[in-house]
Protein backbone atom coordinates (compact mmCIF):
# COMPACT_ATOMS: atom_id res chain seq x y z
CA MET A 1 48.66 85.88 5.08
CA GLN A 2 49.51 83.35 7.78
CA THR A 3 53.22 83.87 7.12
CA ALA A 4 52.78 87.63 7.54
CA PHE A 5 50.90 87.01 10.79
CA VAL A 6 53.76 84.82 12.03
CA GLY A 7 56.19 87.63 11.17
CA LEU A 8 54.03 90.12 13.07
CA CYS A 9 53.97 87.88 16.15
CA LEU A 10 57.72 87.30 15.90
CA ALA A 11 58.39 91.06 15.76
CA ILE A 12 56.26 91.58 18.88
CA PHE A 13 58.08 88.69 20.57
CA VAL A 14 61.50 90.23 19.82
CA SER A 15 60.32 93.61 21.10
CA GLN A 16 58.93 92.24 24.35
CA THR A 17 61.96 90.01 24.94
CA GLY A 18 64.32 92.96 24.47
CA PHE A 19 62.51 95.18 26.95
CA ILE A 20 62.15 92.39 29.54
CA LEU A 21 65.87 91.60 29.41
CA TYR A 22 66.69 95.31 29.62
CA HIS A 23 64.54 95.54 32.74
CA TYR A 24 66.55 92.78 34.45
CA LEU A 25 70.03 93.33 32.95
CA ALA A 26 69.97 97.15 32.42
CA ARG A 27 72.02 96.97 29.23
CA ASP A 28 71.30 99.33 26.33
CA LEU A 29 71.80 96.47 23.87
CA TRP A 30 68.53 94.87 24.94
CA LYS A 31 66.68 98.17 24.77
CA ASN A 32 67.95 98.52 21.19
CA VAL A 33 66.61 95.00 20.44
CA GLY A 34 63.23 96.03 21.84
CA HIS A 35 63.14 99.12 19.62
CA ILE A 36 64.11 97.09 16.54
CA GLY A 37 61.30 94.66 17.26
CA MET A 38 58.83 97.56 17.51
CA LEU A 39 60.05 98.96 14.18
CA ALA A 40 59.65 95.54 12.54
CA VAL A 41 55.99 95.42 13.64
CA VAL A 42 55.02 98.09 11.10
CA PRO A 43 55.91 96.41 7.76
CA PHE A 44 54.61 93.04 8.95
CA ALA A 45 51.35 94.66 10.11
CA PHE A 46 50.94 96.43 6.75
CA GLN A 47 51.62 93.19 4.87
CA PHE A 48 49.25 91.14 7.05
CA PHE A 49 46.32 93.54 6.77
CA ARG A 50 46.97 93.99 3.03
CA LEU A 51 46.57 90.24 2.55
CA LEU A 52 43.68 90.04 5.01
CA THR A 53 41.78 92.48 2.81
CA HIS A 54 42.77 90.53 -0.33
CA ASN A 55 44.84 93.49 -1.60
CA ARG A 56 41.68 95.54 -2.06
CA SER A 57 42.34 98.27 0.48
CA MET A 58 44.50 101.38 0.67
CA LEU A 59 47.43 99.21 1.84
CA THR A 60 49.42 98.54 -1.31
CA ARG A 61 52.69 96.70 -1.89
CA GLY A 62 54.40 100.07 -2.27
CA ILE A 63 53.32 101.12 1.24
CA VAL A 64 54.62 97.82 2.64
CA ASN A 65 58.00 98.32 0.92
CA PHE A 66 58.21 101.93 2.10
CA ALA A 67 57.47 100.86 5.70
CA ALA A 68 60.13 98.14 5.47
CA MET A 69 62.72 100.69 4.30
CA ALA A 70 61.70 103.18 7.02
CA SER A 71 61.95 100.51 9.72
CA PHE A 72 65.33 99.37 8.44
CA LEU A 73 66.58 102.97 8.46
CA GLY A 74 65.23 103.44 11.98
CA SER A 75 67.05 100.31 13.16
CA PHE A 76 70.29 101.71 11.71
CA LEU A 77 69.80 105.06 13.44
CA ILE A 78 69.30 103.35 16.80
CA PHE A 79 72.92 102.24 16.85
CA VAL A 80 74.27 105.48 15.35
CA PHE A 81 72.49 107.82 17.78
CA SER A 82 72.40 105.60 20.85
CA GLY A 83 72.62 108.63 23.13
CA TRP A 84 69.19 109.82 22.02
CA LEU A 85 67.38 106.62 23.00
CA GLN A 86 65.00 108.30 25.45
CA TYR A 87 63.65 110.53 22.66
CA PHE A 88 63.83 107.77 20.08
CA TYR A 89 61.48 105.54 22.09
CA ILE A 90 58.69 108.12 21.89
CA SER A 91 59.21 108.46 18.13
CA VAL A 92 59.11 104.68 17.59
CA LEU A 93 56.00 104.36 19.73
CA ALA A 94 54.23 107.12 17.74
CA TYR A 95 55.36 105.45 14.48
CA VAL A 96 53.91 102.06 15.51
CA TYR A 97 50.62 103.46 16.79
CA ALA A 98 50.19 105.57 13.64
CA ALA A 99 50.80 102.49 11.45
CA LEU A 100 48.31 100.38 13.41
CA GLY A 101 45.77 103.22 13.14
CA ILE A 102 46.22 103.22 9.36
CA CYS A 103 45.69 99.44 9.30
CA TYR A 104 42.50 99.82 11.35
CA PHE A 105 41.20 102.56 9.08
CA ALA A 106 42.04 100.48 5.98
CA ILE A 107 40.20 97.40 7.21
CA MET A 108 37.22 99.55 8.27
CA ARG A 109 36.91 100.93 4.73
CA TYR A 110 37.26 97.43 3.30
CA VAL A 111 34.50 96.05 5.54
CA LYS A 112 32.12 98.84 4.48
CA LYS A 113 32.50 97.78 0.84
CA LEU A 114 31.84 94.10 1.56
CA SER A 115 28.43 92.61 0.88
CA PRO A 116 26.72 90.97 3.90
CA GLY A 117 28.21 87.56 4.62
CA VAL A 118 30.50 85.50 6.83
CA GLU A 119 33.69 87.44 6.03
CA LYS A 120 32.10 90.79 6.82
CA LYS A 121 30.76 89.45 10.12
CA ARG A 122 34.16 88.05 11.17
CA LEU A 123 36.08 91.22 10.30
CA ARG A 124 33.52 93.29 12.21
CA TYR A 125 34.36 91.24 15.29
CA LEU A 126 38.02 92.23 14.81
CA LEU A 127 37.10 95.90 14.37
CA PHE A 128 35.08 95.68 17.58
CA ALA A 129 37.87 93.95 19.54
CA CYS A 130 40.66 96.41 18.66
CA PRO A 131 39.19 99.53 20.41
CA ILE A 132 38.37 97.42 23.47
CA ALA A 133 41.97 96.20 23.58
CA LEU A 134 43.26 99.79 23.20
CA PHE A 135 41.02 100.96 26.04
CA LEU A 136 42.22 98.17 28.35
CA CYS A 137 45.87 98.83 27.47
CA SER A 138 45.45 102.51 28.28
CA ALA A 139 44.81 101.47 31.89
CA ASP A 140 48.60 101.07 32.24
CA LEU A 141 48.95 104.85 31.84
CA LEU A 142 47.20 105.30 35.18
CA GLN A 143 50.39 104.13 36.87
CA TYR A 144 52.04 107.39 35.87
CA LEU A 145 49.26 109.24 37.71
CA GLY A 146 49.99 107.43 40.95
CA PHE A 147 47.39 104.68 40.69
CA GLN A 148 48.58 101.22 41.71
CA PHE A 149 47.24 98.93 39.00
CA PRO A 150 49.01 95.80 37.75
CA PRO A 151 50.17 96.16 34.11
CA ILE A 152 47.82 94.31 31.77
CA ALA A 153 48.84 95.65 28.34
CA ASP A 154 50.91 92.57 27.47
CA ILE A 155 48.08 90.20 28.42
CA VAL A 156 45.54 92.22 26.41
CA LEU A 157 47.88 92.33 23.40
CA SER A 158 48.39 88.56 23.55
CA ALA A 159 44.63 87.98 23.78
CA LEU A 160 44.06 90.26 20.78
CA LEU A 161 46.68 88.37 18.76
CA TYR A 162 45.05 85.07 19.66
CA PHE A 163 41.63 86.42 18.68
CA THR A 164 43.10 87.55 15.35
CA LEU A 165 44.59 84.09 14.89
CA LEU A 166 41.13 82.53 15.31
CA ILE A 167 39.75 84.80 12.61
CA VAL A 168 42.63 84.04 10.23
CA ALA A 169 43.14 80.31 10.79
CA TYR A 170 39.61 79.11 11.54
CA PRO A 171 37.15 80.39 8.91
CA GLN A 172 34.58 77.84 10.13
CA LEU A 173 34.16 79.97 13.28
CA ASN A 174 31.69 82.62 12.14
CA GLU A 175 29.47 83.21 15.17
CA LEU A 176 30.44 85.38 18.12
CA HIS A 177 29.51 82.66 20.61
CA ASP A 178 32.02 80.34 18.86
CA PHE A 179 34.82 82.81 19.62
CA PHE A 180 33.59 83.33 23.18
CA ALA A 181 33.42 79.58 23.77
CA ARG A 182 37.00 79.09 22.59
CA ALA A 183 38.15 82.12 24.58
CA LEU A 184 36.41 80.74 27.66
CA VAL A 185 38.31 77.44 27.37
CA ILE A 186 41.62 79.28 27.03
CA GLY A 187 40.74 81.63 29.89
CA VAL A 188 39.78 78.85 32.28
CA SER A 189 42.92 76.87 31.38
CA THR A 190 45.09 79.95 31.93
CA ILE A 191 43.57 80.73 35.34
CA PHE A 192 43.88 77.08 36.35
CA GLY A 193 47.59 77.06 35.38
CA THR A 194 48.17 80.25 37.35
CA ALA A 195 46.43 78.82 40.41
CA VAL A 196 48.49 75.61 40.21
CA PHE A 197 51.72 77.65 40.03
CA TYR A 198 50.91 79.67 43.13
CA PHE A 199 49.74 76.55 44.94
CA VAL A 200 53.03 74.74 44.29
CA VAL A 201 55.33 77.70 44.87
CA GLY A 202 53.39 78.66 48.00
CA PHE A 203 54.89 75.67 49.83
CA SER A 204 58.35 77.24 49.56
CA LYS A 205 58.75 80.08 52.04
CA ASP A 206 62.15 81.20 50.71
CA VAL A 207 61.00 81.93 47.15
CA SER A 208 59.72 85.41 46.33
CA LEU A 209 56.57 85.15 44.25
CA PRO A 210 56.54 86.88 40.83
CA SER A 211 53.80 89.33 39.99
CA PHE A 212 50.36 87.96 39.20
CA THR A 213 50.31 89.43 35.68
CA ASN A 214 53.65 87.82 34.81
CA VAL A 215 52.46 84.40 35.94
CA LEU A 216 49.14 84.87 34.16
CA MET A 217 50.95 85.86 30.97
CA ALA A 218 53.26 82.84 31.19
CA SER A 219 50.31 80.51 31.74
CA PHE A 220 48.48 82.00 28.76
CA LEU A 221 51.48 81.54 26.49
CA ILE A 222 51.93 77.94 27.63
CA VAL A 223 48.25 77.14 27.04
CA ILE A 224 48.14 78.56 23.50
CA SER A 225 51.52 76.96 22.68
CA ILE A 226 50.50 73.40 23.54
CA THR A 227 48.69 72.71 20.25
CA PRO A 228 51.41 74.13 17.92
CA ILE A 229 54.15 72.27 19.82
CA LYS A 230 52.09 69.09 19.67
CA ILE A 231 51.68 69.46 15.90
CA ILE A 232 55.42 69.99 15.43
CA LEU A 233 56.28 66.96 17.58
CA GLU A 234 53.68 64.88 15.78
CA LYS A 235 55.25 65.70 12.40
CA ILE A 236 58.75 64.92 13.67
CA TYR A 237 57.61 61.69 15.34
CA GLY A 238 55.65 60.73 12.22
CA ARG A 239 58.79 60.75 10.09
CA PHE A 240 60.39 58.08 12.29
CA TYR A 241 57.30 56.12 13.41
CA PRO A 242 54.56 56.70 10.81
CA GLU A 243 52.48 53.81 12.19
CA SER A 244 52.19 55.21 15.74
CA GLN A 245 50.31 58.49 15.36
CA ASN A 246 47.76 57.75 18.10
CA VAL A 247 50.35 58.48 20.79
CA PHE A 248 49.48 62.20 20.36
CA THR A 249 45.74 61.66 20.65
CA SER A 250 44.12 62.31 24.02
CA LEU A 251 42.12 59.50 25.58
CA TYR A 252 38.85 61.42 25.14
CA VAL A 253 39.51 62.16 21.47
CA PHE A 254 40.77 58.60 21.03
CA ASN A 255 37.49 57.20 22.38
CA ARG A 256 35.49 59.42 20.02
CA LYS A 257 37.73 58.38 17.15
CA LEU A 258 37.18 54.70 17.95
CA GLU A 259 33.41 55.27 18.14
CA ARG A 260 33.46 57.06 14.79
CA GLU A 261 35.54 54.31 13.19
CA LYS A 262 33.19 51.68 14.62
CA ASN A 263 30.18 53.45 13.13
CA LEU A 264 31.91 53.72 9.75
CA MET A 265 32.79 50.03 9.86
CA LEU A 266 29.18 49.14 10.71
CA ALA A 267 27.92 51.35 7.88
CA GLU A 268 30.20 49.53 5.42
CA MET A 269 29.50 46.07 6.80
CA ALA A 270 25.71 46.34 7.18
CA PRO A 271 24.72 46.21 3.47
CA VAL A 272 27.01 43.22 2.85
CA PHE A 273 25.75 41.47 5.98
CA ALA A 274 22.10 42.08 5.07
CA HIS A 275 22.65 40.95 1.46
CA GLU A 276 24.44 37.74 2.44
CA ILE A 277 21.69 36.82 4.92
CA ARG A 278 18.68 37.83 2.82
CA ASN A 279 19.64 35.76 -0.22
CA PRO A 280 19.83 32.35 1.54
CA LEU A 281 16.83 33.31 3.70
CA GLY A 282 14.81 33.99 0.58
CA SER A 283 15.79 30.61 -0.82
CA ILE A 284 14.97 28.83 2.46
CA LYS A 285 11.61 30.57 2.74
CA GLY A 286 10.72 29.87 -0.90
CA ALA A 287 11.67 26.22 -0.58
CA ALA A 288 9.68 25.88 2.65
CA GLN A 289 6.60 27.47 1.07
CA TYR A 290 6.84 25.10 -1.90
CA LEU A 291 7.38 22.02 0.25
CA LYS A 292 4.48 23.05 2.47
CA THR A 293 2.12 22.66 -0.48
CA GLU A 294 3.52 19.17 -1.03
CA ALA A 295 3.40 18.14 2.65
CA ALA A 296 1.50 14.92 3.29
CA THR A 297 0.60 15.48 6.96
CA GLU A 298 -0.54 18.41 9.14
CA GLU A 299 2.54 17.96 11.36
CA GLN A 300 4.85 18.49 8.37
CA GLN A 301 2.94 21.67 7.42
CA LYS A 302 3.42 23.02 10.97
CA LEU A 303 7.16 22.38 10.71
CA PHE A 304 7.31 24.29 7.43
CA ASP A 305 5.32 27.13 9.07
CA VAL A 306 8.01 27.30 11.75
CA ILE A 307 10.73 27.51 9.08
CA ILE A 308 8.86 30.31 7.26
CA ALA A 309 8.23 32.26 10.50
CA GLU A 310 11.86 32.01 11.60
CA ALA A 311 13.04 33.06 8.15
CA ASN A 312 10.80 36.13 8.40
CA ARG A 313 12.18 36.89 11.87
CA LEU A 314 15.80 36.67 10.69
CA ASN A 315 14.95 38.91 7.74
CA ALA A 316 13.50 41.44 10.22
CA VAL A 317 16.71 41.25 12.29
CA ALA A 318 18.77 41.94 9.15
CA ASN A 319 16.53 44.90 8.31
CA GLN A 320 16.87 46.35 11.82
CA PHE A 321 20.64 45.97 11.77
CA LEU A 322 20.79 47.68 8.37
CA THR A 323 18.59 50.49 9.69
CA TYR A 324 20.80 50.99 12.75
CA ALA A 325 24.15 50.82 10.96
CA SER A 326 23.31 52.87 7.87
CA PRO A 327 23.80 56.66 8.09
CA TYR A 328 20.56 58.63 8.12
CA THR A 329 19.84 61.30 5.54
CA LEU A 330 17.48 63.68 7.27
CA LYS A 331 14.82 65.52 5.29
CA PRO A 332 13.91 68.20 7.83
CA ALA A 333 10.87 70.42 7.51
CA SER A 334 9.28 72.88 9.92
CA MET A 335 6.40 71.26 11.79
CA ASN A 336 4.43 71.58 14.99
CA ILE A 337 5.21 68.61 17.24
CA ASN A 338 1.58 68.40 18.38
CA MET A 339 0.51 67.52 14.83
CA LEU A 340 3.04 64.68 14.77
CA ILE A 341 1.84 63.38 18.15
CA ARG A 342 -1.79 63.38 17.00
CA LYS A 343 -0.84 61.43 13.86
CA ALA A 344 1.07 58.92 15.96
CA ILE A 345 -1.89 58.50 18.35
CA SER A 346 -4.26 57.78 15.46
CA VAL A 347 -1.88 55.06 14.23
CA ILE A 348 -1.46 53.58 17.73
CA ALA A 349 -5.22 53.60 18.43
CA ALA A 350 -5.78 51.39 15.35
CA ASN A 351 -3.27 48.81 16.61
CA GLU A 352 -4.81 45.65 18.00
CA ARG A 353 -2.24 45.51 20.82
CA VAL A 354 -3.75 48.60 22.48
CA GLY A 355 -6.45 46.54 24.21
CA ASN A 356 -7.79 48.43 27.25
CA VAL A 357 -4.99 50.99 27.35
CA ALA A 358 -6.33 54.56 27.68
CA ILE A 359 -4.45 57.16 25.62
CA VAL A 360 -4.23 60.63 27.19
CA GLN A 361 -3.07 63.81 25.44
CA GLU A 362 -1.52 66.72 27.40
CA LEU A 363 -0.32 68.90 24.55
CA SER A 364 0.87 72.46 25.11
CA ASP A 365 -0.64 75.09 22.78
CA ASP A 366 2.34 77.49 22.72
CA LEU A 367 4.88 75.24 20.99
CA PRO A 368 6.99 76.77 18.22
CA GLU A 369 7.66 74.82 15.05
CA VAL A 370 10.86 72.79 14.87
CA LYS A 371 12.68 71.30 11.90
CA ILE A 372 12.30 67.53 11.96
CA ASP A 373 12.18 64.56 9.64
CA GLU A 374 8.54 63.58 10.12
CA GLN A 375 8.88 59.93 9.10
CA LEU A 376 11.94 59.21 11.25
CA LEU A 377 10.58 60.95 14.35
CA MET A 378 7.24 59.18 13.86
CA GLN A 379 9.22 55.92 13.94
CA VAL A 380 10.73 56.93 17.30
CA ILE A 381 7.37 57.81 18.88
CA LEU A 382 5.65 54.66 17.63
CA ASN A 383 8.49 52.44 18.85
CA ILE A 384 8.45 53.91 22.36
CA ALA A 385 4.64 53.93 22.57
CA LEU A 386 4.25 50.31 21.44
CA ASN A 387 6.93 49.22 23.90
CA ALA A 388 4.98 51.02 26.64
CA ILE A 389 1.73 49.29 25.65
CA GLU A 390 3.50 45.94 25.73
CA ALA A 391 4.91 46.75 29.21
CA MET A 392 1.36 47.45 30.49
CA SER A 393 0.05 44.09 29.20
CA GLY A 394 -2.94 45.72 27.52
CA GLU A 395 -4.22 47.66 30.58
CA GLY A 396 -3.18 51.06 31.88
CA VAL A 397 -2.75 54.68 30.80
CA LEU A 398 -0.44 55.90 28.03
CA THR A 399 0.17 59.66 28.27
CA PHE A 400 1.63 61.95 25.61
CA GLN A 401 2.76 65.31 26.95
CA THR A 402 4.45 68.19 25.11
CA SER A 403 5.91 71.37 26.58
CA ARG A 404 8.37 74.17 25.97
CA VAL A 405 11.49 74.05 28.15
CA GLU A 406 13.97 76.87 28.77
CA SER A 407 17.50 76.12 29.93
CA GLY A 408 19.57 79.27 30.09
CA ALA A 409 19.73 80.76 26.61
CA ASP A 410 18.51 77.53 25.00
CA HIS A 411 14.89 76.68 24.30
CA PHE A 412 13.62 73.17 23.71
CA VAL A 413 10.44 71.42 22.69
CA SER A 414 9.94 68.46 25.02
CA ILE A 415 7.98 65.28 24.34
CA GLU A 416 7.17 62.94 27.22
CA ILE A 417 5.70 59.46 26.68
CA ARG A 418 4.60 58.02 30.03
CA ASP A 419 3.09 54.64 30.92
CA THR A 420 1.72 53.02 34.06
CA GLY A 421 3.44 49.65 33.64
CA GLN A 422 5.78 47.79 35.93
CA GLY A 423 8.64 50.22 35.35
CA ILE A 424 12.29 49.54 34.59
CA ASN A 425 15.00 48.78 37.16
CA LYS A 426 18.18 50.85 37.33
CA GLU A 427 20.46 48.26 35.74
CA ILE A 428 18.26 48.03 32.65
CA VAL A 429 17.90 51.83 32.43
CA LYS A 430 21.71 52.12 32.21
CA ASN A 431 21.86 49.82 29.19
CA ILE A 432 18.49 50.43 27.56
CA PHE A 433 19.89 52.39 24.58
CA LYS A 434 22.84 50.08 23.94
CA PRO A 435 22.71 48.15 20.65
CA PHE A 436 21.66 44.50 20.96
CA PHE A 437 20.64 44.89 24.61
CA THR A 438 17.19 43.41 25.19
CA THR A 439 15.10 41.86 27.94
CA LYS A 440 12.70 40.19 25.50
CA GLU A 441 13.08 36.50 24.71
CA ARG A 442 12.84 37.05 20.97
CA GLY A 443 13.98 40.67 20.84
CA VAL A 444 16.90 42.03 18.84
CA GLY A 445 17.75 45.00 21.05
CA LEU A 446 18.04 47.58 18.26
CA GLY A 447 14.70 49.40 18.52
CA LEU A 448 15.67 51.94 21.21
CA ALA A 449 19.24 52.19 19.88
CA ILE A 450 17.76 53.27 16.54
CA CYS A 451 15.48 55.75 18.34
CA GLN A 452 18.47 57.30 20.12
CA LYS A 453 20.42 57.59 16.88
CA ILE A 454 17.51 59.30 15.10
CA VAL A 455 17.01 61.81 17.95
CA GLN A 456 20.76 62.55 18.17
CA ASN A 457 20.91 63.13 14.41
CA HIS A 458 18.23 65.76 14.97
CA GLY A 459 20.54 67.42 17.49
CA GLY A 460 18.25 66.33 20.31
CA LEU A 461 18.37 64.27 23.47
CA ILE A 462 16.43 61.20 24.60
CA GLN A 463 16.29 59.99 28.21
CA VAL A 464 14.31 57.56 30.31
CA LYS A 465 13.27 57.78 33.95
CA SER A 466 11.51 55.03 35.83
CA ILE A 467 10.57 53.87 39.30
CA PRO A 468 9.97 50.11 39.47
CA GLY A 469 6.30 49.44 39.97
CA GLN A 470 5.27 53.00 38.95
CA GLY A 471 5.78 53.01 35.20
CA ALA A 472 8.37 54.65 32.96
CA SER A 473 8.73 57.99 31.18
CA PHE A 474 10.68 58.64 27.98
CA PHE A 475 11.72 62.26 27.36
CA ILE A 476 12.72 63.64 23.95
CA ARG A 477 14.15 67.14 23.73
CA LEU A 478 14.48 68.95 20.42
CA ASN A 479 16.22 72.30 20.10
CA GLU A 480 14.01 75.01 18.65
CA ARG A 481 16.83 75.91 16.26
CA SER A 482 17.40 72.32 15.14
């Protein structure tokens, strides 16, 4: 199917090249090349749509072979009856449009027979895009009625081919907003390239500027050609320098790749690290507990208590590191966030560290349910809340607030945990979610890093805002569709 699509694009390329060269050179040879390219479109289009419908439509192999023979005969007649080219062009154009109409009708019948699913949805997008493209291309006919409009048929045709390529080559794109997002990136890049061209050429007063549509078309072709050319160069370069593939990776992708590799390395190293530390720690702790029972003096017992406490602390560090480095397996279930907050408050209220801290609830009643892993998100809320209580030194107000937030087309459930402590300065706020960053004398610096990882794995966002001396606020946003 992809080979047939390449053939279809190549036939269109030959046709367009022929007519462009004829426009500038005024030689019938190039007009003949343009007509041959148009004739070649038909068999390739039949073959592509036959394979796109998995050979279950009215387009059979016999029809493809017949179209190939008819196009070959038409190409032969072009050179035999070259004097009739003005009439021949109309016949070829009618032949191509009739063939594309048959392809559209065939795929429409095929889609009607499909059961609801991803393939039916994607092909419906194509059926929807084709009439729009035809309508936009028909705007070029207004030139013959005296209207001065720039020709856009070539641009529309290229955009339709690229849209078809997305449907064929990227089956993971199954939502309309996915196609629009990719089209938006291409569109912005194309307009930016066009603007750069006019900006550079505009400094030269002696150069006549080409038409806007021609420059826009050239920019579009360059933008969509970058990735294929990069892949070809990467394969060629890889044959000579197989160890230097990162030269084709952008800095942004390279940074993400390094971050991903670092996380994988941590995930592999963490169990070994924890195992190698826990075993000797268990032996040290056991020996200290035994020797404590044999200690002759109270001072010796205190020393063994120190050994046991430090062994427990190191074991906790190993557990936290294992928790941070290991990949999380979420077990999401629909739940109202307010229920989770109330459970967390009941746990916090029973903690002896609360002291004189007042706990305030400001929970919105119109929250929709979101899919969350209750245990993991409970861990996040408890961690932040206990840190806040510690920052207030046992006196102050701890506020839990929930709300529904709208940002464009997206809707979020927001959780705010606010304290009245001393606040956090800007330098600490910048690093507060970094692993192993801590301001506590005996802290590990993984608690908030683990919280961030859990929230991100839920597809959410966690932020902190603080004014020194006025407390701190932690915000957690969860997408309603998460």
